[in-house]
Amino acid sequence: MGWFDEAFSGAKREPKDAHGQPINQRYRAQAVQGRQIDELIGLVKGVLADGVICQQEVEFLLRWLEANRGATSEWPASALYPRLVAAMADGHLDAKEEADIMAMLLQTAGGASIPDQNNGVAASNSTSLPLSDPLPAIQVPDHTFCFTGKFASGTRAWCESVVLEHGGVALPNITKKLNFLVIGEIGSRDWLHSTHGTKIKKAVDYRASGVPLHIISEQHWHHQLVG
């Protein structure tokens, strides 16, 4: 076979992955998902721009996610989508759901600054928390977990239930027997002084003293346990 025939038969020899799917096709799908997530975060930041949310904006985000189902398997859409579905299940967004979704959207946007309507001071941007580097593989059976902050995935009780279902142990506080501290809220530049900052500080101190304790983000935890 000549070079001309080989060139035009290349598609037949396109490399396959372990599932028999073309690798290039998989890369193209990942690129599309990446663009969708970027668009979603842009939409969320737009919704948060005035510092308030309303039912129409939540319905808009939900419609976008349903029209872009490919993105719902990727973080943070994988956590955002089921929460929006649950909030709008009865067709009405009450005050508690509105507050929960506002907090979740702030988490999704990475702690993006929004106007504070009470004193005009903008909320702090997200900052680099003392996460373990490199990120560890998460072993759950017989390992201990503590959760701190607010979680986009669900309530803290729900996060703890996931650990229990996988054979792990959920602890309420930081101890030297703790294996993983999971930080739900990305936090602000003043995270050390926040209500959950004391747990983080204690975990940092233990880790510095040689305790084999990992500090991980909700995103890393969610990817490895929930998918």
Protein backbone atom coordinates (compact mmCIF):
# COMPACT_ATOMS: atom_id res chain seq x y z
CA MET A 1 0.00 0.00 0.00
CA GLY A 2 1.39 3.40 -0.98
CA TRP A 3 1.68 6.48 1.18
CA PHE A 4 -1.46 7.97 -0.42
CA ASP A 5 -3.59 4.96 0.50
CA GLU A 6 -2.05 4.80 3.96
CA ALA A 7 -2.82 8.47 4.60
CA PHE A 8 -6.46 8.06 3.70
CA SER A 9 -6.85 4.82 5.64
CA GLY A 10 -5.48 6.39 8.84
CA ALA A 11 -8.92 6.68 10.39
CA LYS A 12 -9.22 2.90 10.32
CA ARG A 13 -6.09 2.63 12.42
CA GLU A 14 -7.01 5.38 14.89
CA PRO A 15 -5.65 4.29 18.29
CA LYS A 16 -8.22 2.90 20.68
CA ASP A 17 -8.48 3.08 24.47
CA ALA A 18 -9.13 0.14 26.82
CA HIS A 19 -12.83 0.27 25.93
CA GLY A 20 -12.24 0.18 22.20
CA GLN A 21 -13.10 3.85 21.74
CA PRO A 22 -10.97 6.17 19.58
CA ILE A 23 -8.56 8.08 21.80
CA ASN A 24 -8.84 11.25 19.72
CA GLN A 25 -12.61 11.13 20.04
CA ARG A 26 -12.24 10.88 23.82
CA TYR A 27 -9.95 13.91 23.85
CA ARG A 28 -12.44 15.89 21.78
CA ALA A 29 -15.23 14.99 24.23
CA GLN A 30 -13.07 16.12 27.16
CA ALA A 31 -12.34 19.41 25.41
CA VAL A 32 -16.07 20.02 24.91
CA GLN A 33 -16.74 19.26 28.58
CA GLY A 34 -13.99 21.67 29.57
CA ARG A 35 -15.55 24.46 27.52
CA GLN A 36 -18.97 23.70 29.02
CA ILE A 37 -17.61 23.93 32.57
CA ASP A 38 -15.91 27.23 31.75
CA GLU A 39 -19.21 28.53 30.38
CA LEU A 40 -21.10 27.31 33.44
CA ILE A 41 -18.73 29.07 35.84
CA GLY A 42 -19.11 32.23 33.77
CA LEU A 43 -22.90 31.97 34.02
CA VAL A 44 -22.70 31.42 37.78
CA LYS A 45 -20.50 34.50 38.20
CA GLY A 46 -23.04 36.47 36.17
CA VAL A 47 -25.87 35.30 38.42
CA LEU A 48 -23.86 36.33 41.49
CA ALA A 49 -22.88 39.73 40.10
CA ASP A 50 -25.62 41.65 41.92
CA GLY A 51 -25.17 39.77 45.20
CA VAL A 52 -28.61 38.14 45.14
CA ILE A 53 -30.28 35.26 43.34
CA CYS A 54 -33.89 34.65 42.37
CA GLN A 55 -35.93 31.67 41.26
CA GLN A 56 -35.74 32.67 37.59
CA GLU A 57 -31.94 32.63 37.72
CA VAL A 58 -31.91 29.20 39.38
CA GLU A 59 -34.33 27.89 36.75
CA PHE A 60 -32.07 29.32 34.04
CA LEU A 61 -29.02 27.50 35.42
CA LEU A 62 -31.00 24.28 35.70
CA ARG A 63 -32.19 24.54 32.10
CA TRP A 64 -28.63 25.15 30.95
CA LEU A 65 -27.38 22.06 32.79
CA GLU A 66 -30.17 19.93 31.36
CA ALA A 67 -29.31 21.18 27.87
CA ASN A 68 -25.61 20.40 28.46
CA ARG A 69 -25.85 17.00 30.13
CA GLY A 70 -22.30 16.17 29.13
CA ALA A 71 -21.07 18.69 31.68
CA THR A 72 -23.00 17.18 34.59
CA SER A 73 -20.45 14.40 35.02
CA GLU A 74 -17.69 16.95 35.63
CA TRP A 75 -16.91 18.96 38.76
CA PRO A 76 -18.46 21.31 39.85
CA ALA A 77 -21.54 20.61 37.68
CA SER A 78 -21.70 17.07 39.10
CA ALA A 79 -22.39 18.54 42.55
CA LEU A 80 -24.39 21.57 41.41
CA TYR A 81 -26.92 19.80 39.16
CA PRO A 82 -28.53 17.43 41.72
CA ARG A 83 -28.76 20.24 44.28
CA LEU A 84 -30.61 22.50 41.83
CA VAL A 85 -32.92 19.66 40.82
CA ALA A 86 -33.77 18.97 44.46
CA ALA A 87 -34.34 22.67 45.24
CA MET A 88 -36.73 23.11 42.31
CA ALA A 89 -38.52 19.76 42.68
CA ASP A 90 -41.64 21.46 44.05
CA GLY A 91 -41.42 24.33 41.58
CA HIS A 92 -40.76 26.89 44.30
CA LEU A 93 -37.55 28.30 45.75
CA ASP A 94 -38.03 29.11 49.44
CA ALA A 95 -35.80 31.34 51.57
CA LYS A 96 -33.72 28.46 52.99
CA GLU A 97 -33.16 26.93 49.56
CA GLU A 98 -32.22 30.34 48.23
CA ALA A 99 -29.58 30.79 50.96
CA ASP A 100 -28.23 27.26 50.42
CA ILE A 101 -27.97 27.76 46.67
CA MET A 102 -26.29 31.15 47.08
CA ALA A 103 -23.60 29.54 49.24
CA MET A 104 -23.25 26.68 46.76
CA LEU A 105 -22.89 29.04 43.79
CA LEU A 106 -20.20 30.98 45.63
CA GLN A 107 -18.40 27.67 46.14
CA THR A 108 -18.82 26.83 42.45
CA ALA A 109 -17.41 30.19 41.39
CA GLY A 110 -14.33 29.64 43.53
CA GLY A 111 -15.17 32.20 46.17
CA ALA A 112 -15.72 34.94 43.61
CA SER A 113 -16.15 38.41 45.01
CA ILE A 114 -19.71 39.76 45.20
CA PRO A 115 -21.03 43.01 46.62
CA ASP A 116 -21.99 42.96 50.29
CA GLN A 117 -25.31 44.78 50.40
CA ASN A 118 -25.01 45.49 54.12
CA ASN A 119 -21.76 47.42 54.20
CA GLY A 120 -20.60 47.62 50.62
CA VAL A 121 -17.47 45.58 51.30
CA ALA A 122 -16.81 42.89 48.76
CA ALA A 123 -16.46 39.31 49.90
CA SER A 124 -12.89 38.04 49.94
CA ASN A 125 -11.55 36.07 47.03
CA SER A 126 -10.68 32.42 47.45
CA THR A 127 -7.20 31.71 48.65
CA SER A 128 -4.74 28.85 48.64
CA LEU A 129 -5.53 26.62 51.58
CA PRO A 130 -2.88 24.29 53.08
CA LEU A 131 -3.93 21.30 51.00
CA SER A 132 -1.66 18.26 50.80
CA ASP A 133 0.71 18.38 47.85
CA PRO A 134 0.81 16.06 46.05
CA LEU A 135 -2.82 15.09 46.57
CA PRO A 136 -3.04 11.62 48.09
CA ALA A 137 -4.96 8.61 46.86
CA ILE A 138 -7.89 8.27 49.24
CA GLN A 139 -8.14 4.95 51.06
CA VAL A 140 -11.48 4.70 52.85
CA PRO A 141 -11.88 1.34 54.64
CA ASP A 142 -10.74 1.68 58.27
CA HIS A 143 -9.55 5.25 57.64
CA THR A 144 -10.84 8.30 59.48
CA PHE A 145 -12.34 11.47 57.98
CA CYS A 146 -13.34 14.84 59.40
CA PHE A 147 -15.33 17.40 57.41
CA THR A 148 -15.23 21.15 57.90
CA GLY A 149 -16.87 24.04 56.08
CA LYS A 150 -19.89 24.07 53.78
CA PHE A 151 -20.17 21.51 51.02
CA ALA A 152 -21.45 21.81 47.46
CA SER A 153 -21.98 18.04 47.31
CA GLY A 154 -24.54 17.93 50.13
CA THR A 155 -24.83 18.36 53.86
CA ARG A 156 -22.00 17.40 56.15
CA ALA A 157 -24.14 14.48 57.37
CA TRP A 158 -24.47 13.28 53.78
CA CYS A 159 -20.71 13.50 53.25
CA GLU A 160 -20.16 11.47 56.42
CA SER A 161 -22.69 8.88 55.25
CA VAL A 162 -20.70 8.38 52.03
CA VAL A 163 -17.59 7.63 54.08
CA LEU A 164 -19.51 5.16 56.26
CA GLU A 165 -20.94 3.41 53.21
CA HIS A 166 -17.38 2.88 51.94
CA GLY A 167 -16.21 1.41 55.23
CA GLY A 168 -14.57 4.50 56.68
CA VAL A 169 -14.99 6.33 59.99
CA ALA A 170 -16.30 9.89 60.39
CA LEU A 171 -14.83 11.90 63.26
CA PRO A 172 -16.35 15.15 64.60
CA ASN A 173 -13.02 16.73 65.54
CA ILE A 174 -9.32 16.78 64.70
CA THR A 175 -7.27 14.14 66.51
CA LYS A 176 -3.89 12.52 65.93
CA LYS A 177 -5.78 9.46 64.68
CA LEU A 178 -7.32 11.43 61.81
CA ASN A 179 -6.29 10.41 58.30
CA PHE A 180 -8.14 12.96 56.14
CA LEU A 181 -9.49 16.44 56.80
CA VAL A 182 -11.88 17.40 53.98
CA ILE A 183 -12.40 21.14 53.46
CA GLY A 184 -15.76 21.91 51.92
CA GLU A 185 -15.76 25.68 51.65
CA ILE A 186 -12.91 27.14 49.62
CA GLY A 187 -12.75 29.92 52.14
CA SER A 188 -11.42 33.46 52.12
CA ARG A 189 -8.17 35.25 52.81
CA ASP A 190 -9.22 35.21 56.47
CA TRP A 191 -9.88 31.47 56.63
CA LEU A 192 -7.77 31.13 59.77
CA HIS A 193 -10.25 33.30 61.66
CA SER A 194 -13.40 31.67 60.30
CA THR A 195 -15.54 29.25 62.29
CA HIS A 196 -13.97 26.24 60.54
CA GLY A 197 -10.46 27.71 60.44
CA THR A 198 -9.56 26.34 63.87
CA LYS A 199 -9.91 22.77 62.61
CA ILE A 200 -7.71 23.54 59.64
CA LYS A 201 -5.07 25.18 61.82
CA LYS A 202 -5.03 22.22 64.22
CA ALA A 203 -4.68 19.79 61.32
CA VAL A 204 -1.80 21.85 59.89
CA ASP A 205 -0.04 21.78 63.25
CA TYR A 206 -0.46 18.03 63.60
CA ARG A 207 0.79 17.48 60.06
CA ALA A 208 3.83 19.68 60.72
CA SER A 209 4.65 17.61 63.80
CA GLY A 210 4.82 14.44 61.72
CA VAL A 211 1.29 13.08 62.04
CA PRO A 212 0.39 11.38 58.72
CA LEU A 213 -2.68 13.55 58.21
CA HIS A 214 -3.86 14.65 54.76
CA ILE A 215 -5.75 17.90 54.14
CA ILE A 216 -7.82 17.65 50.98
CA SER A 217 -10.47 19.62 49.13
CA GLU A 218 -14.07 18.59 48.67
CA GLN A 219 -13.39 18.36 44.95
CA HIS A 220 -10.62 15.75 45.40
CA TRP A 221 -12.74 13.79 47.88
CA HIS A 222 -15.80 13.92 45.61
CA HIS A 223 -13.85 12.76 42.54
CA GLN A 224 -12.43 9.71 44.29
CA LEU A 225 -15.46 8.57 46.27
CA VAL A 226 -18.49 9.78 44.37
CA GLY A 227 -17.17 10.13 40.83
